[in-house]
Amino acid sequence: MVSKMLVSLEEMKLYLRVDSEYEDTLILQLLESAEKLCRDIIRADEENLKQAKTGKIAIMYTVAYFYEHREEADYKQLMLTLRSLLFGDRKDGF
């Protein structure tokens, strides 16, 4: 797992309105995936994602989307939304 995530497990559980510890592992995995996806979209490393104006919101949106749409996720729509959300922080290249 990522050593220091931009969004903590507690923050994410509050955002998702999850009270139990039953899904902590799943939420941590979704956080890790969401951070990587957002880093890939802005073409930057972890530090640049932390500095992105909408980085934290994008991560939380992504985790919530993955969590709520486990069975029927529309990844094309998710990617379009994230690209729009992170457009201002996107680098020209890696």
N, C-alpha and C. Protein backbone atom coordinates (compact mmCIF):
# COMPACT_ATOMS: atom_id res chain seq x y z
N MET A 1 0.83 -1.19 0.00
CA MET A 1 0.00 0.00 0.00
C MET A 1 0.88 1.26 0.00
N VAL A 2 0.27 2.36 -0.38
CA VAL A 2 0.94 3.64 -0.37
C VAL A 2 1.18 4.05 1.08
N SER A 3 2.38 4.53 1.36
CA SER A 3 2.72 4.83 2.74
C SER A 3 1.91 6.01 3.31
N LYS A 4 1.80 7.10 2.59
CA LYS A 4 1.06 8.27 3.08
C LYS A 4 0.11 8.70 1.97
N MET A 5 -1.15 8.36 2.14
CA MET A 5 -2.13 8.70 1.13
C MET A 5 -2.63 10.12 1.33
N LEU A 6 -3.02 10.73 0.25
CA LEU A 6 -3.53 12.10 0.27
C LEU A 6 -4.86 12.18 1.02
N VAL A 7 -5.67 11.14 0.91
CA VAL A 7 -6.94 11.05 1.62
C VAL A 7 -6.83 9.90 2.62
N SER A 8 -7.11 10.19 3.86
CA SER A 8 -7.01 9.14 4.89
C SER A 8 -8.23 8.22 4.84
N LEU A 9 -8.05 7.05 5.42
CA LEU A 9 -9.16 6.10 5.51
C LEU A 9 -10.34 6.73 6.26
N GLU A 10 -10.05 7.45 7.33
CA GLU A 10 -11.11 8.06 8.13
C GLU A 10 -11.89 9.10 7.32
N GLU A 11 -11.15 9.94 6.57
CA GLU A 11 -11.81 10.94 5.71
C GLU A 11 -12.71 10.27 4.68
N MET A 12 -12.19 9.20 4.09
CA MET A 12 -12.95 8.53 3.04
C MET A 12 -14.18 7.85 3.60
N LYS A 13 -14.06 7.23 4.76
CA LYS A 13 -15.21 6.58 5.38
C LYS A 13 -16.28 7.61 5.73
N LEU A 14 -15.87 8.76 6.20
CA LEU A 14 -16.82 9.83 6.51
C LEU A 14 -17.53 10.29 5.23
N TYR A 15 -16.79 10.47 4.17
CA TYR A 15 -17.34 10.88 2.87
C TYR A 15 -18.34 9.84 2.34
N LEU A 16 -17.99 8.56 2.51
CA LEU A 16 -18.85 7.48 2.04
C LEU A 16 -19.99 7.16 3.01
N ARG A 17 -19.90 7.71 4.21
CA ARG A 17 -20.86 7.43 5.28
C ARG A 17 -20.82 5.94 5.69
N VAL A 18 -19.61 5.46 5.86
CA VAL A 18 -19.38 4.08 6.30
C VAL A 18 -18.95 4.13 7.75
N ASP A 19 -19.70 3.44 8.61
CA ASP A 19 -19.42 3.47 10.05
C ASP A 19 -18.61 2.28 10.54
N SER A 20 -18.74 1.15 9.88
CA SER A 20 -18.08 -0.06 10.36
C SER A 20 -16.66 -0.19 9.82
N GLU A 21 -15.94 -1.12 10.39
CA GLU A 21 -14.57 -1.42 9.91
C GLU A 21 -14.58 -2.57 8.92
N TYR A 22 -15.75 -3.10 8.63
CA TYR A 22 -15.91 -4.28 7.79
C TYR A 22 -15.29 -4.10 6.40
N GLU A 23 -15.37 -2.91 5.83
CA GLU A 23 -14.89 -2.69 4.46
C GLU A 23 -13.61 -1.84 4.40
N ASP A 24 -12.89 -1.73 5.50
CA ASP A 24 -11.67 -0.92 5.52
C ASP A 24 -10.66 -1.36 4.46
N THR A 25 -10.46 -2.65 4.32
CA THR A 25 -9.49 -3.15 3.33
C THR A 25 -9.90 -2.75 1.93
N LEU A 26 -11.18 -2.92 1.62
CA LEU A 26 -11.68 -2.53 0.29
C LEU A 26 -11.49 -1.04 0.06
N ILE A 27 -11.83 -0.23 1.03
CA ILE A 27 -11.72 1.22 0.87
C ILE A 27 -10.26 1.64 0.71
N LEU A 28 -9.36 1.02 1.44
CA LEU A 28 -7.93 1.31 1.28
C LEU A 28 -7.44 0.94 -0.12
N GLN A 29 -7.90 -0.20 -0.63
CA GLN A 29 -7.53 -0.60 -1.99
C GLN A 29 -8.09 0.37 -3.03
N LEU A 30 -9.31 0.82 -2.81
CA LEU A 30 -9.91 1.79 -3.73
C LEU A 30 -9.18 3.13 -3.67
N LEU A 31 -8.76 3.54 -2.48
CA LEU A 31 -7.97 4.76 -2.34
C LEU A 31 -6.66 4.67 -3.11
N GLU A 32 -5.99 3.56 -2.97
CA GLU A 32 -4.73 3.36 -3.67
C GLU A 32 -4.94 3.41 -5.19
N SER A 33 -5.96 2.73 -5.67
CA SER A 33 -6.26 2.74 -7.10
C SER A 33 -6.65 4.12 -7.59
N ALA A 34 -7.44 4.83 -6.80
CA ALA A 34 -7.89 6.16 -7.19
C ALA A 34 -6.72 7.14 -7.27
N GLU A 35 -5.81 7.07 -6.30
CA GLU A 35 -4.64 7.95 -6.34
C GLU A 35 -3.79 7.67 -7.57
N LYS A 36 -3.58 6.41 -7.87
CA LYS A 36 -2.78 6.07 -9.05
C LYS A 36 -3.46 6.55 -10.32
N LEU A 37 -4.75 6.34 -10.41
CA LEU A 37 -5.50 6.78 -11.58
C LEU A 37 -5.41 8.30 -11.74
N CYS A 38 -5.59 9.03 -10.68
CA CYS A 38 -5.51 10.49 -10.74
C CYS A 38 -4.10 10.97 -11.09
N ARG A 39 -3.08 10.30 -10.53
CA ARG A 39 -1.69 10.65 -10.90
C ARG A 39 -1.46 10.41 -12.39
N ASP A 40 -1.97 9.31 -12.89
CA ASP A 40 -1.81 9.00 -14.32
C ASP A 40 -2.51 10.04 -15.19
N ILE A 41 -3.67 10.48 -14.76
CA ILE A 41 -4.42 11.45 -15.55
C ILE A 41 -3.70 12.79 -15.62
N ILE A 42 -3.13 13.24 -14.49
CA ILE A 42 -2.42 14.52 -14.54
C ILE A 42 -0.96 14.36 -14.96
N ARG A 43 -0.56 13.10 -15.16
CA ARG A 43 0.80 12.79 -15.62
C ARG A 43 1.84 13.35 -14.65
N ALA A 44 1.69 13.01 -13.40
CA ALA A 44 2.59 13.55 -12.39
C ALA A 44 2.80 12.55 -11.27
N ASP A 45 3.72 12.90 -10.39
CA ASP A 45 3.99 12.03 -9.25
C ASP A 45 3.09 12.39 -8.07
N GLU A 46 3.29 11.70 -6.96
CA GLU A 46 2.46 11.88 -5.77
C GLU A 46 2.49 13.32 -5.26
N GLU A 47 3.67 13.93 -5.27
CA GLU A 47 3.80 15.30 -4.76
C GLU A 47 3.00 16.29 -5.62
N ASN A 48 3.03 16.12 -6.94
CA ASN A 48 2.27 17.00 -7.81
C ASN A 48 0.76 16.82 -7.61
N LEU A 49 0.35 15.60 -7.33
CA LEU A 49 -1.06 15.36 -7.06
C LEU A 49 -1.48 16.07 -5.77
N LYS A 50 -0.61 16.07 -4.76
CA LYS A 50 -0.91 16.78 -3.52
C LYS A 50 -1.09 18.27 -3.76
N GLN A 51 -0.32 18.82 -4.70
CA GLN A 51 -0.38 20.25 -5.00
C GLN A 51 -1.52 20.61 -5.95
N ALA A 52 -2.09 19.62 -6.61
CA ALA A 52 -3.19 19.88 -7.55
C ALA A 52 -4.38 20.45 -6.79
N LYS A 53 -4.99 21.48 -7.35
CA LYS A 53 -6.12 22.15 -6.69
C LYS A 53 -7.28 21.20 -6.45
N THR A 54 -7.51 20.31 -7.38
CA THR A 54 -8.66 19.40 -7.28
C THR A 54 -8.25 17.96 -7.04
N GLY A 55 -7.00 17.72 -6.67
CA GLY A 55 -6.50 16.37 -6.49
C GLY A 55 -7.26 15.56 -5.45
N LYS A 56 -7.45 16.14 -4.29
CA LYS A 56 -8.11 15.43 -3.20
C LYS A 56 -9.58 15.14 -3.55
N ILE A 57 -10.25 16.12 -4.14
CA ILE A 57 -11.64 15.94 -4.55
C ILE A 57 -11.74 14.84 -5.60
N ALA A 58 -10.81 14.84 -6.55
CA ALA A 58 -10.83 13.83 -7.61
C ALA A 58 -10.64 12.43 -7.03
N ILE A 59 -9.75 12.30 -6.07
CA ILE A 59 -9.54 10.99 -5.44
C ILE A 59 -10.80 10.54 -4.71
N MET A 60 -11.39 11.43 -3.94
CA MET A 60 -12.59 11.07 -3.20
C MET A 60 -13.76 10.74 -4.14
N TYR A 61 -13.88 11.48 -5.21
CA TYR A 61 -14.92 11.20 -6.21
C TYR A 61 -14.71 9.81 -6.81
N THR A 62 -13.46 9.51 -7.14
CA THR A 62 -13.13 8.23 -7.76
C THR A 62 -13.43 7.06 -6.83
N VAL A 63 -13.02 7.18 -5.58
CA VAL A 63 -13.30 6.11 -4.62
C VAL A 63 -14.80 5.93 -4.45
N ALA A 64 -15.52 7.04 -4.31
CA ALA A 64 -16.98 6.95 -4.15
C ALA A 64 -17.61 6.30 -5.37
N TYR A 65 -17.12 6.64 -6.57
CA TYR A 65 -17.66 6.05 -7.79
C TYR A 65 -17.39 4.54 -7.82
N PHE A 66 -16.15 4.16 -7.55
CA PHE A 66 -15.81 2.73 -7.51
C PHE A 66 -16.64 2.00 -6.46
N TYR A 67 -16.81 2.61 -5.30
CA TYR A 67 -17.53 1.99 -4.19
C TYR A 67 -19.01 1.82 -4.52
N GLU A 68 -19.62 2.85 -5.07
CA GLU A 68 -21.06 2.81 -5.36
C GLU A 68 -21.41 2.04 -6.62
N HIS A 69 -20.48 1.92 -7.56
CA HIS A 69 -20.75 1.26 -8.84
C HIS A 69 -19.91 0.00 -9.03
N ARG A 70 -19.75 -0.75 -7.98
CA ARG A 70 -18.92 -1.97 -8.05
C ARG A 70 -19.37 -2.92 -9.13
N GLU A 71 -20.65 -3.02 -9.33
CA GLU A 71 -21.21 -4.00 -10.27
C GLU A 71 -21.33 -3.47 -11.70
N GLU A 72 -21.59 -2.17 -11.85
CA GLU A 72 -21.91 -1.65 -13.18
C GLU A 72 -21.17 -0.35 -13.51
N ALA A 73 -19.92 -0.26 -13.18
CA ALA A 73 -19.16 0.97 -13.41
C ALA A 73 -19.00 1.28 -14.90
N ASP A 74 -19.16 2.55 -15.22
CA ASP A 74 -18.95 3.05 -16.59
C ASP A 74 -17.60 3.78 -16.58
N TYR A 75 -16.54 3.05 -16.89
CA TYR A 75 -15.19 3.60 -16.78
C TYR A 75 -14.94 4.72 -17.78
N LYS A 76 -15.58 4.66 -18.92
CA LYS A 76 -15.42 5.74 -19.90
C LYS A 76 -15.96 7.04 -19.32
N GLN A 77 -17.13 7.00 -18.72
CA GLN A 77 -17.71 8.19 -18.11
C GLN A 77 -16.86 8.68 -16.93
N LEU A 78 -16.36 7.75 -16.12
CA LEU A 78 -15.49 8.11 -15.01
C LEU A 78 -14.26 8.84 -15.51
N MET A 79 -13.62 8.32 -16.54
CA MET A 79 -12.41 8.93 -17.07
C MET A 79 -12.70 10.32 -17.64
N LEU A 80 -13.81 10.49 -18.33
CA LEU A 80 -14.17 11.81 -18.86
C LEU A 80 -14.37 12.81 -17.73
N THR A 81 -15.03 12.38 -16.68
CA THR A 81 -15.26 13.26 -15.53
C THR A 81 -13.94 13.63 -14.86
N LEU A 82 -13.07 12.64 -14.64
CA LEU A 82 -11.79 12.92 -13.99
C LEU A 82 -10.90 13.81 -14.84
N ARG A 83 -10.89 13.57 -16.14
CA ARG A 83 -10.08 14.44 -17.01
C ARG A 83 -10.57 15.87 -16.96
N SER A 84 -11.89 16.05 -16.92
CA SER A 84 -12.45 17.40 -16.81
C SER A 84 -12.08 18.02 -15.47
N LEU A 85 -12.19 17.26 -14.41
CA LEU A 85 -11.91 17.74 -13.07
C LEU A 85 -10.43 18.10 -12.89
N LEU A 86 -9.56 17.31 -13.48
CA LEU A 86 -8.11 17.49 -13.29
C LEU A 86 -7.42 18.22 -14.44
N PHE A 87 -8.18 18.70 -15.41
CA PHE A 87 -7.62 19.29 -16.61
C PHE A 87 -6.61 20.40 -16.32
N GLY A 88 -6.90 21.26 -15.39
CA GLY A 88 -6.02 22.39 -15.08
C GLY A 88 -4.67 22.00 -14.51
N ASP A 89 -4.57 20.80 -13.96
CA ASP A 89 -3.32 20.35 -13.35
C ASP A 89 -2.57 19.33 -14.21
N ARG A 90 -3.12 19.00 -15.36
CA ARG A 90 -2.53 17.99 -16.23
C ARG A 90 -1.23 18.52 -16.88
N LYS A 91 -0.19 17.71 -16.84
CA LYS A 91 1.10 18.06 -17.44
C LYS A 91 1.09 17.68 -18.92
N ASP A 92 1.94 18.32 -19.71
CA ASP A 92 2.02 18.03 -21.14
C ASP A 92 2.51 16.61 -21.41
N GLY A 93 3.37 16.10 -20.55
CA GLY A 93 3.91 14.76 -20.73
C GLY A 93 4.49 14.26 -19.42
N PHE A 94 4.87 12.99 -19.42
CA PHE A 94 5.43 12.41 -18.20
C PHE A 94 6.84 12.89 -18.00
